Amino acid sequence: MANPMYGQNKADNELDKVGSKVIVAADDYTLVEGDSGATVFVNAAAISITLPAAKAGLKFKVIFGIATTAGADVLAASGDCFFGVVRLGSTTADQTGVPQIITHATAIAAPGSYDTMDFVAATATIGGSAGDTVELVAVDDIAWHVNAELITSNANPGTVAVIVAS
């Protein structure tokens, strides 16, 4: 992308890089503010991904490359929390769990109750299979909005319980 006439675009080619960073995480990984916009490709059956302190506008996308058979989690920084919608489907035809829906007001009222997301691919209430995605956007200095589409190999998914207390 070239710089438009008269310097209207001071970012020059930096705009081409937005969302283009991919972090391959095979071991526990701590993200920093400068990683915002990155896609985190989780390539481990057991792993912890730690987010930086929430700051409005920070965003990450997590994609599971393999099933989280040994347990994985995404951790908010101390004092931060998660809210939003987590959906869970089953590899069994026409089976879906009851989505987990947490409002912003609920999460910020008790951030310690909503500061971890747990994933185990074969469970009835969690998910975390290869190809699953979790999108995270910090909306203020305490809360991360979550939009997650997960799959479980469990034939009878229940009420989703991904966002929990650490």
C-alpha atoms as a PDB file:
ATOM      1  CA  MET A   1       0.000   0.000   0.000  1.00  0.00           C
ATOM      2  CA  ALA A   2       1.551   3.304  -1.027  1.00  0.00           C
ATOM      3  CA  ASN A   3       1.242   6.524   0.938  1.00  0.00           C
ATOM      4  CA  PRO A   4      -1.672   8.535  -0.511  1.00  0.00           C
ATOM      5  CA  MET A   5      -1.234  12.049  -1.766  1.00  0.00           C
ATOM      6  CA  TYR A   6      -0.467  14.759   0.806  1.00  0.00           C
ATOM      7  CA  GLY A   7       0.277  12.212   3.568  1.00  0.00           C
ATOM      8  CA  GLN A   8      -3.314  11.358   4.556  1.00  0.00           C
ATOM      9  CA  ASN A   9      -2.145   7.870   5.555  1.00  0.00           C
ATOM     10  CA  LYS A  10       0.674   8.395   8.028  1.00  0.00           C
ATOM     11  CA  ALA A  11       0.762   4.637   8.740  1.00  0.00           C
ATOM     12  CA  ASP A  12       2.053   3.875   5.231  1.00  0.00           C
ATOM     13  CA  ASN A  13       2.596   0.127   4.820  1.00  0.00           C
ATOM     14  CA  GLU A  14       1.902  -0.623   8.503  1.00  0.00           C
ATOM     15  CA  LEU A  15      -1.788  -0.992   7.567  1.00  0.00           C
ATOM     16  CA  ASP A  16      -0.879  -4.019   5.447  1.00  0.00           C
ATOM     17  CA  LYS A  17       0.441  -5.785   8.551  1.00  0.00           C
ATOM     18  CA  VAL A  18      -2.693  -5.525  10.699  1.00  0.00           C
ATOM     19  CA  GLY A  19      -3.822  -9.027  11.632  1.00  0.00           C
ATOM     20  CA  SER A  20      -1.014 -10.691   9.697  1.00  0.00           C
ATOM     21  CA  LYS A  21       1.107 -11.874  12.642  1.00  0.00           C
ATOM     22  CA  VAL A  22       0.810 -15.571  13.514  1.00  0.00           C
ATOM     23  CA  ILE A  23       2.276 -16.868  16.755  1.00  0.00           C
ATOM     24  CA  VAL A  24       2.733 -20.638  16.849  1.00  0.00           C
ATOM     25  CA  ALA A  25       2.496 -21.697  20.498  1.00  0.00           C
ATOM     26  CA  ALA A  26       3.741 -25.191  21.331  1.00  0.00           C
ATOM     27  CA  ASP A  27       4.577 -24.312  24.955  1.00  0.00           C
ATOM     28  CA  ASP A  28       3.034 -21.959  27.507  1.00  0.00           C
ATOM     29  CA  TYR A  29       3.028 -18.485  26.003  1.00  0.00           C
ATOM     30  CA  THR A  30       2.570 -14.968  27.408  1.00  0.00           C
ATOM     31  CA  LEU A  31       1.244 -12.389  24.968  1.00  0.00           C
ATOM     32  CA  VAL A  32       2.219  -8.727  25.246  1.00  0.00           C
ATOM     33  CA  GLU A  33       0.376  -5.602  24.167  1.00  0.00           C
ATOM     34  CA  GLY A  34       2.564  -5.362  21.052  1.00  0.00           C
ATOM     35  CA  ASP A  35       1.191  -8.734  19.884  1.00  0.00           C
ATOM     36  CA  SER A  36      -2.299  -7.256  19.506  1.00  0.00           C
ATOM     37  CA  GLY A  37      -3.932  -8.283  16.250  1.00  0.00           C
ATOM     38  CA  ALA A  38      -2.063 -11.589  16.163  1.00  0.00           C
ATOM     39  CA  THR A  39      -3.498 -15.018  15.567  1.00  0.00           C
ATOM     40  CA  VAL A  40      -2.257 -17.524  18.122  1.00  0.00           C
ATOM     41  CA  PHE A  41      -2.035 -21.004  16.616  1.00  0.00           C
ATOM     42  CA  VAL A  42      -2.127 -23.446  19.543  1.00  0.00           C
ATOM     43  CA  ASN A  43      -0.073 -26.486  18.659  1.00  0.00           C
ATOM     44  CA  ALA A  44      -0.101 -28.391  21.978  1.00  0.00           C
ATOM     45  CA  ALA A  45      -2.523 -30.698  23.774  1.00  0.00           C
ATOM     46  CA  ALA A  46      -1.775 -28.946  27.099  1.00  0.00           C
ATOM     47  CA  ILE A  47      -0.847 -25.260  27.163  1.00  0.00           C
ATOM     48  CA  SER A  48      -1.499 -21.944  28.925  1.00  0.00           C
ATOM     49  CA  ILE A  49      -1.817 -18.729  26.932  1.00  0.00           C
ATOM     50  CA  THR A  50      -1.637 -15.619  29.116  1.00  0.00           C
ATOM     51  CA  LEU A  51      -3.094 -12.348  27.856  1.00  0.00           C
ATOM     52  CA  PRO A  52      -1.642  -8.914  28.559  1.00  0.00           C
ATOM     53  CA  ALA A  53      -3.592  -6.540  30.789  1.00  0.00           C
ATOM     54  CA  ALA A  54      -6.815  -5.560  29.059  1.00  0.00           C
ATOM     55  CA  LYS A  55      -6.726  -2.229  27.237  1.00  0.00           C
ATOM     56  CA  ALA A  56      -9.543  -1.139  24.940  1.00  0.00           C
ATOM     57  CA  GLY A  57      -8.806  -2.171  21.366  1.00  0.00           C
ATOM     58  CA  LEU A  58      -6.388  -5.036  22.002  1.00  0.00           C
ATOM     59  CA  LYS A  59      -7.430  -8.137  20.090  1.00  0.00           C
ATOM     60  CA  PHE A  60      -6.332 -11.704  19.533  1.00  0.00           C
ATOM     61  CA  LYS A  61      -7.618 -14.752  17.698  1.00  0.00           C
ATOM     62  CA  VAL A  62      -6.815 -18.212  19.037  1.00  0.00           C
ATOM     63  CA  ILE A  63      -7.002 -21.218  16.716  1.00  0.00           C
ATOM     64  CA  PHE A  64      -6.458 -24.734  18.024  1.00  0.00           C
ATOM     65  CA  GLY A  65      -4.211 -26.668  15.662  1.00  0.00           C
ATOM     66  CA  ILE A  66      -4.639 -29.933  17.541  1.00  0.00           C
ATOM     67  CA  ALA A  67      -7.143 -31.243  20.074  1.00  0.00           C
ATOM     68  CA  THR A  68      -6.545 -30.079  23.625  1.00  0.00           C
ATOM     69  CA  THR A  69      -6.677 -33.616  24.990  1.00  0.00           C
ATOM     70  CA  ALA A  70      -4.528 -32.844  28.039  1.00  0.00           C
ATOM     71  CA  GLY A  71      -6.153 -29.501  28.896  1.00  0.00           C
ATOM     72  CA  ALA A  72      -5.417 -25.972  27.758  1.00  0.00           C
ATOM     73  CA  ASP A  73      -6.351 -22.562  29.077  1.00  0.00           C
ATOM     74  CA  VAL A  74      -6.365 -18.885  28.242  1.00  0.00           C
ATOM     75  CA  LEU A  75      -5.679 -16.685  31.256  1.00  0.00           C
ATOM     76  CA  ALA A  76      -6.644 -13.051  31.802  1.00  0.00           C
ATOM     77  CA  ALA A  77      -4.179 -10.782  33.594  1.00  0.00           C
ATOM     78  CA  SER A  78      -4.746 -10.244  37.303  1.00  0.00           C
ATOM     79  CA  GLY A  79      -7.956  -8.252  37.861  1.00  0.00           C
ATOM     80  CA  ASP A  80      -9.212  -8.776  34.284  1.00  0.00           C
ATOM     81  CA  CYS A  81     -12.130 -10.949  33.157  1.00  0.00           C
ATOM     82  CA  PHE A  82     -13.933 -12.525  30.214  1.00  0.00           C
ATOM     83  CA  PHE A  83     -17.517 -12.038  29.010  1.00  0.00           C
ATOM     84  CA  GLY A  84     -19.387 -12.939  25.852  1.00  0.00           C
ATOM     85  CA  VAL A  85     -20.689 -16.074  24.148  1.00  0.00           C
ATOM     86  CA  VAL A  86     -19.166 -19.551  23.943  1.00  0.00           C
ATOM     87  CA  ARG A  87     -20.891 -22.077  21.655  1.00  0.00           C
ATOM     88  CA  LEU A  88     -20.258 -25.816  21.690  1.00  0.00           C
ATOM     89  CA  GLY A  89     -21.208 -28.363  19.056  1.00  0.00           C
ATOM     90  CA  SER A  90     -20.571 -32.079  18.899  1.00  0.00           C
ATOM     91  CA  THR A  91     -19.065 -34.209  16.193  1.00  0.00           C
ATOM     92  CA  THR A  92     -22.275 -36.217  16.607  1.00  0.00           C
ATOM     93  CA  ALA A  93     -24.906 -34.948  14.151  1.00  0.00           C
ATOM     94  CA  ASP A  94     -27.355 -32.350  15.467  1.00  0.00           C
ATOM     95  CA  GLN A  95     -25.916 -32.205  18.979  1.00  0.00           C
ATOM     96  CA  THR A  96     -25.197 -28.812  20.531  1.00  0.00           C
ATOM     97  CA  GLY A  97     -24.560 -27.664  24.064  1.00  0.00           C
ATOM     98  CA  VAL A  98     -26.335 -24.817  25.811  1.00  0.00           C
ATOM     99  CA  PRO A  99     -24.160 -21.736  25.079  1.00  0.00           C
ATOM    100  CA  GLN A 100     -22.365 -19.964  27.886  1.00  0.00           C
ATOM    101  CA  ILE A 101     -23.441 -16.320  27.886  1.00  0.00           C
ATOM    102  CA  ILE A 102     -21.874 -13.901  30.362  1.00  0.00           C
ATOM    103  CA  THR A 103     -22.696 -10.205  30.287  1.00  0.00           C
ATOM    104  CA  HIS A 104     -20.138  -7.454  30.730  1.00  0.00           C
ATOM    105  CA  ALA A 105     -21.893  -6.245  33.896  1.00  0.00           C
ATOM    106  CA  THR A 106     -21.800  -9.728  35.446  1.00  0.00           C
ATOM    107  CA  ALA A 107     -18.113 -10.264  34.654  1.00  0.00           C
ATOM    108  CA  ILE A 108     -16.818  -6.893  35.878  1.00  0.00           C
ATOM    109  CA  ALA A 109     -18.834  -7.200  39.105  1.00  0.00           C
ATOM    110  CA  ALA A 110     -16.760 -10.303  40.030  1.00  0.00           C
ATOM    111  CA  PRO A 111     -13.738 -10.463  37.699  1.00  0.00           C
ATOM    112  CA  GLY A 112     -12.066 -13.243  39.695  1.00  0.00           C
ATOM    113  CA  SER A 113     -14.998 -15.504  38.844  1.00  0.00           C
ATOM    114  CA  TYR A 114     -14.492 -15.094  35.081  1.00  0.00           C
ATOM    115  CA  ASP A 115     -10.717 -14.871  34.554  1.00  0.00           C
ATOM    116  CA  THR A 116      -9.890 -18.224  32.935  1.00  0.00           C
ATOM    117  CA  MET A 117     -11.032 -20.156  29.888  1.00  0.00           C
ATOM    118  CA  ASP A 118     -10.512 -23.925  30.064  1.00  0.00           C
ATOM    119  CA  PHE A 119     -10.439 -26.303  27.095  1.00  0.00           C
ATOM    120  CA  VAL A 120     -10.481 -30.118  26.871  1.00  0.00           C
ATOM    121  CA  ALA A 121     -11.610 -31.480  23.515  1.00  0.00           C
ATOM    122  CA  ALA A 122     -13.604 -34.542  24.620  1.00  0.00           C
ATOM    123  CA  THR A 123     -15.628 -33.063  27.490  1.00  0.00           C
ATOM    124  CA  ALA A 124     -19.365 -32.466  27.429  1.00  0.00           C
ATOM    125  CA  THR A 125     -19.104 -28.842  28.608  1.00  0.00           C
ATOM    126  CA  ILE A 126     -15.825 -27.423  27.303  1.00  0.00           C
ATOM    127  CA  GLY A 127     -14.476 -28.333  23.839  1.00  0.00           C
ATOM    128  CA  GLY A 128     -11.157 -27.382  22.305  1.00  0.00           C
ATOM    129  CA  SER A 129     -10.787 -29.492  19.167  1.00  0.00           C
ATOM    130  CA  ALA A 130      -8.503 -28.914  16.207  1.00  0.00           C
ATOM    131  CA  GLY A 131      -9.897 -26.028  14.175  1.00  0.00           C
ATOM    132  CA  ASP A 132     -11.810 -24.374  17.031  1.00  0.00           C
ATOM    133  CA  THR A 133     -11.548 -20.590  17.274  1.00  0.00           C
ATOM    134  CA  VAL A 134     -11.713 -18.064  20.077  1.00  0.00           C
ATOM    135  CA  GLU A 135     -11.796 -14.350  19.291  1.00  0.00           C
ATOM    136  CA  LEU A 136     -10.862 -11.911  22.062  1.00  0.00           C
ATOM    137  CA  VAL A 137     -11.279  -8.134  22.079  1.00  0.00           C
ATOM    138  CA  ALA A 138     -10.561  -5.930  25.093  1.00  0.00           C
ATOM    139  CA  VAL A 139     -13.431  -3.470  25.420  1.00  0.00           C
ATOM    140  CA  ASP A 140     -12.009  -1.538  28.373  1.00  0.00           C
ATOM    141  CA  ASP A 141      -9.245  -1.865  30.963  1.00  0.00           C
ATOM    142  CA  ILE A 142     -10.789  -4.872  32.727  1.00  0.00           C
ATOM    143  CA  ALA A 143     -12.830  -6.985  30.295  1.00  0.00           C
ATOM    144  CA  TRP A 144     -12.161  -9.163  27.255  1.00  0.00           C
ATOM    145  CA  HIS A 145     -15.115  -9.926  24.978  1.00  0.00           C
ATOM    146  CA  VAL A 146     -15.127 -13.590  23.911  1.00  0.00           C
ATOM    147  CA  ASN A 147     -16.709 -15.082  20.809  1.00  0.00           C
ATOM    148  CA  ALA A 148     -15.903 -18.797  20.695  1.00  0.00           C
ATOM    149  CA  GLU A 149     -16.971 -21.613  18.381  1.00  0.00           C
ATOM    150  CA  LEU A 150     -15.947 -24.954  19.852  1.00  0.00           C
ATOM    151  CA  ILE A 151     -16.426 -28.634  19.051  1.00  0.00           C
ATOM    152  CA  THR A 152     -16.394 -31.645  21.364  1.00  0.00           C
ATOM    153  CA  SER A 153     -16.142 -35.306  20.522  1.00  0.00           C
ATOM    154  CA  ASN A 154     -18.541 -35.986  23.405  1.00  0.00           C
ATOM    155  CA  ALA A 155     -21.812 -37.299  21.990  1.00  0.00           C
ATOM    156  CA  ASN A 156     -23.986 -35.444  24.509  1.00  0.00           C
ATOM    157  CA  PRO A 157     -22.782 -31.870  25.093  1.00  0.00           C
ATOM    158  CA  GLY A 158     -24.308 -30.067  28.061  1.00  0.00           C
ATOM    159  CA  THR A 159     -24.293 -26.533  29.392  1.00  0.00           C
ATOM    160  CA  VAL A 160     -21.030 -24.857  28.355  1.00  0.00           C
ATOM    161  CA  ALA A 161     -18.652 -23.927  31.173  1.00  0.00           C
ATOM    162  CA  VAL A 162     -15.511 -22.618  29.441  1.00  0.00           C
ATOM    163  CA  ILE A 163     -15.222 -19.271  31.259  1.00  0.00           C
ATOM    164  CA  VAL A 164     -14.496 -19.999  34.925  1.00  0.00           C
ATOM    165  CA  ALA A 165     -12.571 -18.789  37.973  1.00  0.00           C
ATOM    166  CA  SER A 166      -8.865 -19.554  38.085  1.00  0.00           C
END
